[in-house]
Protein backbone atom coordinates (compact mmCIF):
# COMPACT_ATOMS: atom_id res chain seq x y z
CA UNK A 1 48.61 33.27 -32.79
CA UNK A 2 45.27 31.48 -33.34
CA UNK A 3 46.26 28.72 -30.92
CA UNK A 4 47.33 31.26 -28.27
CA UNK A 5 44.01 33.09 -28.49
CA UNK A 6 42.11 29.79 -28.25
CA UNK A 7 44.13 28.84 -25.19
CA UNK A 8 43.43 32.20 -23.52
CA UNK A 9 39.69 31.91 -24.21
CA UNK A 10 39.67 28.35 -22.92
CA UNK A 11 41.49 29.32 -19.68
CA UNK A 12 39.02 32.16 -19.12
CA UNK A 13 36.11 29.83 -19.73
CA UNK A 14 37.49 27.18 -17.37
CA UNK A 15 37.97 29.87 -14.72
CA UNK A 16 34.33 30.89 -15.09
CA UNK A 17 33.21 27.27 -14.90
CA UNK A 18 35.32 26.61 -11.78
CA UNK A 19 33.69 29.59 -10.04
CA UNK A 20 30.15 28.57 -10.87
CA UNK A 21 27.70 26.85 -8.58
CA UNK A 22 25.83 24.57 -10.95
CA UNK A 23 22.78 22.45 -10.29
CA UNK A 24 22.88 18.73 -11.09
CA UNK A 25 21.42 19.09 -14.59
CA UNK A 26 23.82 21.90 -15.57
CA UNK A 27 26.82 19.88 -14.38
CA UNK A 28 26.11 17.28 -17.02
CA UNK A 29 26.89 19.62 -19.95
CA UNK A 30 28.93 22.77 -20.45
CA UNK A 31 28.12 23.05 -24.13
CA UNK A 32 28.49 21.09 -27.33
CA UNK A 33 31.09 19.81 -29.75
CA UNK A 34 30.84 18.84 -33.40
CA UNK A 35 33.37 16.84 -35.40
CA UNK A 36 33.76 18.38 -38.85
CA UNK A 37 34.53 16.46 -42.05
CA UNK A 38 38.30 16.94 -41.63
CA UNK A 39 38.20 15.77 -37.99
CA UNK A 40 38.36 19.28 -36.52
CA UNK A 41 36.53 19.54 -33.20
CA UNK A 42 34.31 22.64 -33.02
CA UNK A 43 33.39 23.54 -29.43
CA UNK A 44 30.66 25.90 -28.21
CA UNK A 45 31.01 26.14 -24.43
CA UNK A 46 29.26 28.26 -21.83
CA UNK A 47 29.44 29.12 -18.15
CA UNK A 48 27.37 31.18 -15.74
CA UNK A 49 28.43 32.52 -12.35
CA UNK A 50 26.29 32.93 -9.25
CA UNK A 51 26.50 36.69 -9.80
CA UNK A 52 24.93 36.32 -13.24
CA UNK A 53 28.02 36.67 -15.41
CA UNK A 54 27.73 34.57 -18.54
CA UNK A 55 30.65 33.42 -20.65
CA UNK A 56 30.51 31.71 -24.02
CA UNK A 57 33.34 30.50 -26.18
CA UNK A 58 33.54 29.01 -29.66
CA UNK A 59 36.81 27.48 -30.69
CA UNK A 60 38.12 24.79 -32.99
CA UNK A 61 40.84 22.24 -32.38
CA UNK A 62 42.40 20.93 -35.58
CA UNK A 63 43.86 17.43 -35.90
CA UNK A 64 47.35 18.88 -36.36
CA UNK A 65 47.35 20.65 -32.98
CA UNK A 66 49.43 19.02 -30.25
CA UNK A 67 46.55 18.92 -27.73
CA UNK A 68 44.01 17.44 -30.18
CA UNK A 69 44.16 13.96 -28.64
CA UNK A 70 43.39 15.38 -25.16
CA UNK A 71 40.26 17.11 -26.44
CA UNK A 72 39.27 14.06 -28.49
CA UNK A 73 39.60 11.71 -25.52
CA UNK A 74 37.41 14.03 -23.43
CA UNK A 75 34.52 13.95 -25.91
CA UNK A 76 34.97 10.42 -27.29
CA UNK A 77 33.31 8.57 -28.76
CA UNK A 78 32.43 11.00 -31.57
CA UNK A 79 32.25 10.53 -35.32
CA UNK A 80 32.49 12.87 -38.31
CA UNK A 81 29.33 14.95 -38.58
CA UNK A 82 28.21 14.14 -35.05
CA UNK A 83 27.35 16.76 -32.43
CA UNK A 84 27.15 15.94 -28.74
CA UNK A 85 27.11 17.47 -25.27
CA UNK A 86 30.41 18.23 -23.54
CA UNK A 87 30.75 17.22 -19.91
CA UNK A 88 32.83 19.41 -17.57
CA UNK A 89 36.53 18.72 -17.24
CA UNK A 90 37.53 17.41 -13.84
CA UNK A 91 39.83 19.61 -11.78
């Protein structure tokens, strides 16, 4: 159930991001990620539409989840305890 809810939130967030007209600086980061002690990736992402709608999403991806490596490769390199900006996913 947790994974399904995370997936739904992520799809909604990506939809908001895809519909946004971002300036150059905003395109460089859509939020942040932190790698926790156990390797879990904790994401805080945001999006804003031209109409002013704002979406934010916090979700975690645990090492045991099947899509963990996809998320990890997107934010790599990252080490335990490190926080860094997240670049947009390419369509």
